[in-house]
């Protein structure tokens, strides 16, 4: 009997010391920053026509981004993203981050809305564009 009461006492201690973490509720491997960044998305629709659409990123990480589009892309679509970096972050210089990736998840936002949520997984390649002349010495 002592073992059972000691065991339940030990379980209570571990529950108070270590909070339960549900590892299945959030599968993200990187921190995501919820920043409203302006971006332009370009790609090709399933019918073969090209599109270019402005959007606001809802969140971004080193591995991907989430945003909304009206264009009607499908999972597996190759998209190019041009993100405008705020000038307060770049010391007043106009800078854009250009990267590409694949659509890995789609989410319908609401019944009446035309936009769908897009989860984009980035390729490893990226490029900064901007006026860096002032940095040369």
N, C-alpha and C. Protein backbone atom coordinates (compact mmCIF):
# COMPACT_ATOMS: atom_id res chain seq x y z
N UNK A 1 0.81 -1.20 0.00
CA UNK A 1 0.00 0.00 0.00
C UNK A 1 0.85 1.26 0.00
N UNK A 2 1.98 1.21 0.73
CA UNK A 2 2.82 2.39 0.78
C UNK A 2 3.33 2.74 -0.62
N UNK A 3 3.65 1.72 -1.41
CA UNK A 3 4.16 1.98 -2.75
C UNK A 3 3.13 2.72 -3.60
N UNK A 4 1.85 2.33 -3.52
CA UNK A 4 0.82 2.99 -4.30
C UNK A 4 0.65 4.44 -3.88
N UNK A 5 0.61 4.71 -2.58
CA UNK A 5 0.44 6.09 -2.12
C UNK A 5 1.68 6.92 -2.47
N UNK A 6 2.86 6.31 -2.38
CA UNK A 6 4.08 7.03 -2.75
C UNK A 6 4.09 7.31 -4.25
N UNK A 7 3.63 6.34 -5.04
CA UNK A 7 3.59 6.52 -6.48
C UNK A 7 2.65 7.66 -6.86
N UNK A 8 1.46 7.69 -6.29
CA UNK A 8 0.52 8.77 -6.62
C UNK A 8 1.05 10.11 -6.14
N UNK A 9 1.79 10.12 -5.04
CA UNK A 9 2.41 11.35 -4.55
C UNK A 9 3.48 11.82 -5.53
N UNK A 10 4.29 10.88 -6.04
CA UNK A 10 5.32 11.21 -7.01
C UNK A 10 4.70 11.74 -8.31
N UNK A 11 3.59 11.13 -8.75
CA UNK A 11 2.92 11.59 -9.97
C UNK A 11 2.43 13.01 -9.79
N UNK A 12 1.86 13.33 -8.62
CA UNK A 12 1.37 14.68 -8.37
C UNK A 12 2.51 15.68 -8.42
N UNK A 13 3.66 15.32 -7.85
CA UNK A 13 4.81 16.22 -7.87
C UNK A 13 5.27 16.48 -9.29
N UNK A 14 5.35 15.42 -10.10
CA UNK A 14 5.83 15.60 -11.46
C UNK A 14 4.87 16.45 -12.28
N UNK A 15 3.60 16.34 -11.98
CA UNK A 15 2.62 17.15 -12.72
C UNK A 15 2.72 18.62 -12.34
N UNK A 16 3.05 18.90 -11.10
CA UNK A 16 3.16 20.29 -10.70
C UNK A 16 4.49 20.89 -11.14
N UNK A 17 5.52 20.09 -11.23
CA UNK A 17 6.83 20.60 -11.62
C UNK A 17 6.95 20.71 -13.14
N UNK A 18 6.55 19.69 -13.86
CA UNK A 18 6.69 19.66 -15.31
C UNK A 18 5.32 19.78 -15.97
N UNK A 19 5.04 20.86 -16.66
CA UNK A 19 3.75 20.98 -17.34
C UNK A 19 3.67 20.01 -18.50
N UNK A 20 2.49 19.56 -18.79
CA UNK A 20 2.28 18.64 -19.90
C UNK A 20 2.38 19.40 -21.21
N UNK A 21 3.15 18.88 -22.13
CA UNK A 21 3.33 19.50 -23.44
C UNK A 21 2.74 18.58 -24.48
N UNK A 22 1.79 19.08 -25.24
CA UNK A 22 1.20 18.30 -26.31
C UNK A 22 1.98 18.56 -27.58
N UNK A 23 2.89 17.68 -27.90
CA UNK A 23 3.76 17.88 -29.06
C UNK A 23 3.03 17.73 -30.39
N UNK A 24 1.82 17.19 -30.38
CA UNK A 24 1.08 17.00 -31.62
C UNK A 24 0.24 18.21 -31.98
N UNK A 25 0.06 19.14 -31.07
CA UNK A 25 -0.80 20.28 -31.35
C UNK A 25 -0.11 21.31 -32.23
N UNK A 26 1.22 21.37 -32.23
CA UNK A 26 1.94 22.34 -33.03
C UNK A 26 3.16 21.66 -33.63
N UNK A 27 3.13 21.43 -34.94
CA UNK A 27 4.19 20.67 -35.60
C UNK A 27 5.31 21.56 -36.13
N UNK A 28 5.28 22.85 -35.84
CA UNK A 28 6.29 23.76 -36.36
C UNK A 28 7.64 23.46 -35.75
N UNK A 29 8.67 23.58 -36.59
CA UNK A 29 10.02 23.34 -36.12
C UNK A 29 10.77 24.65 -35.86
N UNK A 30 10.26 25.76 -36.38
CA UNK A 30 10.90 27.06 -36.20
C UNK A 30 9.92 28.00 -35.50
N UNK A 31 10.47 29.03 -34.90
CA UNK A 31 9.63 30.08 -34.36
C UNK A 31 9.01 30.85 -35.51
N UNK A 32 7.76 31.22 -35.38
CA UNK A 32 7.10 32.03 -36.38
C UNK A 32 6.86 33.41 -35.82
N UNK A 33 7.14 34.41 -36.64
CA UNK A 33 6.95 35.79 -36.25
C UNK A 33 5.67 36.30 -36.89
N UNK A 34 4.78 36.78 -36.07
CA UNK A 34 3.52 37.31 -36.58
C UNK A 34 3.71 38.79 -36.84
N UNK A 35 4.16 39.08 -38.05
CA UNK A 35 4.43 40.44 -38.47
C UNK A 35 3.60 40.73 -39.71
N UNK A 36 2.91 41.83 -39.74
CA UNK A 36 2.16 42.17 -40.95
C UNK A 36 3.10 42.78 -42.00
N UNK A 37 3.73 41.94 -42.79
CA UNK A 37 4.66 42.40 -43.82
C UNK A 37 4.00 42.36 -45.19
N UNK A 38 4.18 43.43 -45.96
CA UNK A 38 3.67 43.47 -47.33
C UNK A 38 4.51 42.56 -48.21
N UNK A 39 3.85 41.90 -49.15
CA UNK A 39 4.57 41.00 -50.06
C UNK A 39 3.85 40.93 -51.38
N UNK A 40 4.59 40.54 -52.39
CA UNK A 40 4.04 40.25 -53.72
C UNK A 40 4.32 38.79 -54.00
N UNK A 41 3.29 38.08 -54.44
CA UNK A 41 3.40 36.65 -54.74
C UNK A 41 3.20 36.46 -56.24
N UNK A 42 4.09 35.70 -56.85
CA UNK A 42 3.99 35.38 -58.28
C UNK A 42 4.03 33.87 -58.45
N UNK A 43 3.32 33.41 -59.45
CA UNK A 43 3.34 31.98 -59.73
C UNK A 43 2.54 31.65 -60.96
N UNK A 44 2.31 30.37 -61.17
CA UNK A 44 1.53 29.88 -62.31
C UNK A 44 0.36 29.09 -61.76
N UNK A 45 -0.83 29.38 -62.29
CA UNK A 45 -2.04 28.68 -61.87
C UNK A 45 -2.12 27.32 -62.54
N UNK A 46 -2.95 26.41 -62.02
CA UNK A 46 -3.07 25.08 -62.61
C UNK A 46 -3.44 25.10 -64.10
N UNK A 47 -4.17 26.13 -64.55
CA UNK A 47 -4.55 26.23 -65.96
C UNK A 47 -3.39 26.71 -66.84
N UNK A 48 -2.27 27.11 -66.21
CA UNK A 48 -1.10 27.53 -66.96
C UNK A 48 -0.90 29.03 -67.04
N UNK A 49 -1.85 29.83 -66.57
CA UNK A 49 -1.69 31.28 -66.64
C UNK A 49 -0.90 31.78 -65.43
N UNK A 50 -0.10 32.81 -65.67
CA UNK A 50 0.71 33.41 -64.61
C UNK A 50 -0.13 34.40 -63.83
N UNK A 51 0.24 34.60 -62.56
CA UNK A 51 -0.44 35.61 -61.76
C UNK A 51 0.57 36.34 -60.90
N UNK A 52 0.17 37.53 -60.46
CA UNK A 52 0.96 38.35 -59.55
C UNK A 52 -0.04 39.02 -58.63
N UNK A 53 0.11 38.84 -57.33
CA UNK A 53 -0.88 39.34 -56.38
C UNK A 53 -0.21 39.91 -55.14
N UNK A 54 -0.71 41.03 -54.67
CA UNK A 54 -0.23 41.62 -53.42
C UNK A 54 -0.93 40.96 -52.25
N UNK A 55 -0.20 40.81 -51.13
CA UNK A 55 -0.76 40.21 -49.93
C UNK A 55 -0.04 40.75 -48.71
N UNK A 56 -0.52 40.39 -47.56
CA UNK A 56 0.12 40.69 -46.28
C UNK A 56 0.45 39.35 -45.62
N UNK A 57 1.70 39.16 -45.27
CA UNK A 57 2.08 37.93 -44.59
C UNK A 57 1.49 37.94 -43.18
N UNK A 58 0.85 36.85 -42.81
CA UNK A 58 0.32 36.73 -41.46
C UNK A 58 1.41 36.29 -40.50
N UNK A 59 2.29 35.41 -40.96
CA UNK A 59 3.46 35.04 -40.17
C UNK A 59 4.53 34.49 -41.10
N UNK A 60 5.77 34.51 -40.59
CA UNK A 60 6.91 34.06 -41.38
C UNK A 60 7.94 33.45 -40.44
N UNK A 61 8.66 32.45 -40.94
CA UNK A 61 9.76 31.84 -40.20
C UNK A 61 10.88 31.56 -41.18
N UNK A 62 11.94 30.96 -40.71
CA UNK A 62 13.04 30.62 -41.61
C UNK A 62 12.64 29.52 -42.59
N UNK A 63 11.58 28.78 -42.29
CA UNK A 63 11.17 27.67 -43.13
C UNK A 63 9.96 27.92 -44.01
N UNK A 64 9.21 28.99 -43.73
CA UNK A 64 8.02 29.22 -44.54
C UNK A 64 7.23 30.43 -44.09
N UNK A 65 6.07 30.61 -44.72
CA UNK A 65 5.21 31.75 -44.43
C UNK A 65 3.75 31.36 -44.62
N UNK A 66 2.86 32.16 -44.03
CA UNK A 66 1.42 31.95 -44.20
C UNK A 66 0.80 33.28 -44.61
N UNK A 67 -0.04 33.24 -45.66
CA UNK A 67 -0.68 34.43 -46.18
C UNK A 67 -1.94 34.01 -46.92
N UNK A 68 -2.67 34.99 -47.44
CA UNK A 68 -3.92 34.70 -48.16
C UNK A 68 -3.83 35.20 -49.60
N UNK A 69 -4.45 34.44 -50.50
CA UNK A 69 -4.49 34.80 -51.92
C UNK A 69 -5.88 34.56 -52.49
N UNK A 70 -6.20 35.30 -53.54
CA UNK A 70 -7.42 35.05 -54.30
C UNK A 70 -7.16 34.20 -55.54
N UNK A 71 -5.91 33.95 -55.86
CA UNK A 71 -5.51 33.38 -57.15
C UNK A 71 -5.93 31.95 -57.40
N UNK A 72 -6.17 31.15 -56.39
CA UNK A 72 -6.60 29.77 -56.63
C UNK A 72 -5.48 28.80 -56.92
N UNK A 73 -4.36 28.92 -56.20
CA UNK A 73 -3.25 27.98 -56.39
C UNK A 73 -3.62 26.64 -55.74
N UNK A 74 -2.85 25.63 -56.05
CA UNK A 74 -3.09 24.29 -55.50
C UNK A 74 -1.88 23.86 -54.68
N UNK A 75 -2.05 22.82 -53.88
CA UNK A 75 -0.93 22.26 -53.13
C UNK A 75 0.13 21.79 -54.12
N UNK A 76 1.38 22.11 -53.85
CA UNK A 76 2.47 21.76 -54.76
C UNK A 76 2.82 22.87 -55.74
N UNK A 77 2.05 23.96 -55.74
CA UNK A 77 2.35 25.09 -56.63
C UNK A 77 3.65 25.75 -56.23
N UNK A 78 4.49 26.07 -57.22
CA UNK A 78 5.74 26.79 -56.99
C UNK A 78 5.42 28.28 -57.01
N UNK A 79 5.74 28.98 -55.91
CA UNK A 79 5.46 30.40 -55.81
C UNK A 79 6.74 31.17 -55.50
N UNK A 80 6.81 32.40 -55.99
CA UNK A 80 7.89 33.31 -55.66
C UNK A 80 7.31 34.43 -54.81
N UNK A 81 8.03 34.79 -53.79
CA UNK A 81 7.57 35.76 -52.81
C UNK A 81 8.60 36.88 -52.70
N UNK A 82 8.13 38.12 -52.79
CA UNK A 82 8.98 39.29 -52.59
C UNK A 82 8.43 40.03 -51.39
N UNK A 83 9.20 40.05 -50.31
CA UNK A 83 8.77 40.65 -49.05
C UNK A 83 9.47 41.99 -48.87
N UNK A 84 8.69 43.02 -48.59
CA UNK A 84 9.26 44.33 -48.32
C UNK A 84 9.66 44.38 -46.85
N UNK A 85 10.97 44.59 -46.60
CA UNK A 85 11.47 44.69 -45.23
C UNK A 85 11.25 46.12 -44.75
N UNK A 86 10.63 46.31 -43.58
CA UNK A 86 10.38 47.67 -43.09
C UNK A 86 11.68 48.48 -42.97
N UNK A 87 11.64 49.74 -43.37
CA UNK A 87 12.84 50.59 -43.36
C UNK A 87 13.40 50.79 -41.96
N UNK A 88 12.56 50.70 -40.94
CA UNK A 88 13.08 50.87 -39.58
C UNK A 88 13.99 49.70 -39.18
N UNK A 89 13.84 48.55 -39.86
CA UNK A 89 14.70 47.40 -39.59
C UNK A 89 16.01 47.50 -40.36
N UNK A 90 15.97 48.15 -41.52
CA UNK A 90 17.14 48.20 -42.40
C UNK A 90 17.88 49.54 -42.34
N UNK A 91 17.62 50.34 -41.34
CA UNK A 91 18.31 51.62 -41.21
C UNK A 91 17.90 52.61 -42.27
N UNK A 92 16.67 52.56 -42.71
CA UNK A 92 16.15 53.50 -43.70
C UNK A 92 16.37 53.09 -45.14
N UNK A 93 17.03 51.98 -45.37
CA UNK A 93 17.29 51.53 -46.75
C UNK A 93 16.12 50.70 -47.26
N UNK A 94 15.78 50.90 -48.51
CA UNK A 94 14.71 50.12 -49.13
C UNK A 94 15.26 48.74 -49.49
N UNK A 95 14.72 47.70 -48.84
CA UNK A 95 15.23 46.35 -49.02
C UNK A 95 14.08 45.37 -49.21
N UNK A 96 14.29 44.42 -50.11
CA UNK A 96 13.31 43.36 -50.36
C UNK A 96 13.99 42.01 -50.22
N UNK A 97 13.26 41.07 -49.67
CA UNK A 97 13.71 39.69 -49.56
C UNK A 97 12.97 38.88 -50.61
N UNK A 98 13.71 38.24 -51.51
CA UNK A 98 13.12 37.45 -52.59
C UNK A 98 13.40 35.97 -52.32
N UNK A 99 12.33 35.19 -52.26
CA UNK A 99 12.49 33.75 -52.04
C UNK A 99 11.36 32.99 -52.72
N UNK A 100 11.56 31.71 -52.85
CA UNK A 100 10.57 30.86 -53.49
C UNK A 100 10.27 29.65 -52.63
N UNK A 101 9.22 28.95 -53.03
CA UNK A 101 8.87 27.76 -52.29
C UNK A 101 7.67 27.05 -52.88
N UNK A 102 7.22 26.03 -52.17
CA UNK A 102 6.09 25.23 -52.60
C UNK A 102 4.93 25.39 -51.63
N UNK A 103 3.73 25.43 -52.18
CA UNK A 103 2.52 25.46 -51.37
C UNK A 103 2.35 24.09 -50.74
N UNK A 104 2.29 24.05 -49.40
CA UNK A 104 2.17 22.77 -48.71
C UNK A 104 0.81 22.57 -48.05
N UNK A 105 0.05 23.66 -47.89
CA UNK A 105 -1.27 23.55 -47.27
C UNK A 105 -2.14 24.71 -47.71
N UNK A 106 -3.42 24.42 -47.93
CA UNK A 106 -4.41 25.45 -48.27
C UNK A 106 -5.50 25.44 -47.22
N UNK A 107 -6.05 26.61 -46.96
CA UNK A 107 -7.12 26.70 -45.98
C UNK A 107 -8.13 27.74 -46.45
N UNK A 108 -9.38 27.34 -46.54
CA UNK A 108 -10.44 28.27 -46.90
C UNK A 108 -10.72 29.15 -45.69
N UNK A 109 -10.69 30.47 -45.87
CA UNK A 109 -10.84 31.37 -44.73
C UNK A 109 -12.27 31.48 -44.24
N UNK A 110 -13.21 31.63 -45.15
CA UNK A 110 -14.62 31.67 -44.76
C UNK A 110 -15.49 31.33 -45.95
N UNK A 111 -16.76 31.09 -45.71
CA UNK A 111 -17.66 30.65 -46.78
C UNK A 111 -17.86 31.71 -47.85
N UNK A 112 -17.90 32.97 -47.45
CA UNK A 112 -18.18 34.03 -48.42
C UNK A 112 -16.92 34.67 -49.00
N UNK A 113 -15.80 34.46 -48.34
CA UNK A 113 -14.56 35.08 -48.80
C UNK A 113 -14.00 34.41 -50.03
N UNK A 114 -13.33 35.20 -50.85
CA UNK A 114 -12.70 34.67 -52.06
C UNK A 114 -11.29 34.17 -51.80
N UNK A 115 -10.70 34.62 -50.71
CA UNK A 115 -9.30 34.29 -50.44
C UNK A 115 -9.17 32.94 -49.75
N UNK A 116 -8.02 32.32 -50.00
CA UNK A 116 -7.68 31.08 -49.30
C UNK A 116 -6.36 31.28 -48.59
N UNK A 117 -6.22 30.63 -47.45
CA UNK A 117 -4.96 30.69 -46.72
C UNK A 117 -3.94 29.78 -47.39
N UNK A 118 -2.71 30.26 -47.47
CA UNK A 118 -1.63 29.53 -48.14
C UNK A 118 -0.48 29.33 -47.16
N UNK A 119 -0.07 28.09 -46.97
CA UNK A 119 1.15 27.80 -46.22
C UNK A 119 2.22 27.46 -47.24
N UNK A 120 3.28 28.25 -47.23
CA UNK A 120 4.36 28.09 -48.20
C UNK A 120 5.62 27.63 -47.48
N UNK A 121 6.23 26.56 -47.99
CA UNK A 121 7.50 26.06 -47.46
C UNK A 121 8.61 26.58 -48.37
N UNK A 122 9.56 27.32 -47.80
CA UNK A 122 10.60 27.96 -48.59
C UNK A 122 11.63 26.98 -49.11
N UNK A 123 12.18 27.30 -50.31
CA UNK A 123 13.38 26.67 -50.82
C UNK A 123 14.55 27.21 -50.00
N UNK A 124 15.71 26.65 -50.17
CA UNK A 124 16.87 27.12 -49.42
C UNK A 124 17.45 28.41 -49.98
N UNK A 125 17.21 28.69 -51.24
CA UNK A 125 17.78 29.88 -51.87
C UNK A 125 16.94 31.11 -51.57
N UNK A 126 17.63 32.23 -51.31
CA UNK A 126 16.96 33.51 -51.13
C UNK A 126 17.92 34.60 -51.55
N UNK A 127 17.39 35.82 -51.73
CA UNK A 127 18.22 36.92 -52.18
C UNK A 127 17.66 38.22 -51.62
N UNK A 128 18.55 39.11 -51.20
CA UNK A 128 18.15 40.44 -50.78
C UNK A 128 18.37 41.39 -51.95
N UNK A 129 17.41 42.28 -52.17
CA UNK A 129 17.55 43.31 -53.18
C UNK A 129 17.38 44.65 -52.50
N UNK A 130 18.20 45.61 -52.90
CA UNK A 130 18.07 46.93 -52.31
C UNK A 130 19.22 47.82 -52.68
N UNK A 131 19.19 49.02 -52.11
CA UNK A 131 20.23 50.00 -52.34
C UNK A 131 21.28 49.85 -51.25
N UNK A 132 22.36 49.14 -51.57
CA UNK A 132 23.42 48.89 -50.62
C UNK A 132 24.66 49.72 -50.93
N UNK A 133 24.54 50.71 -51.82
CA UNK A 133 25.68 51.54 -52.23
C UNK A 133 26.30 52.25 -51.03
N UNK A 134 25.49 52.70 -50.08
CA UNK A 134 25.98 53.43 -48.92
C UNK A 134 26.85 52.58 -48.01
N UNK A 135 26.77 51.25 -48.14
CA UNK A 135 27.53 50.36 -47.28
C UNK A 135 28.96 50.15 -47.77
N UNK A 136 29.25 50.50 -49.04
CA UNK A 136 30.57 50.25 -49.60
C UNK A 136 31.53 51.34 -49.14
N UNK A 137 32.76 50.93 -48.77
CA UNK A 137 33.78 51.91 -48.36
C UNK A 137 35.04 51.73 -49.14
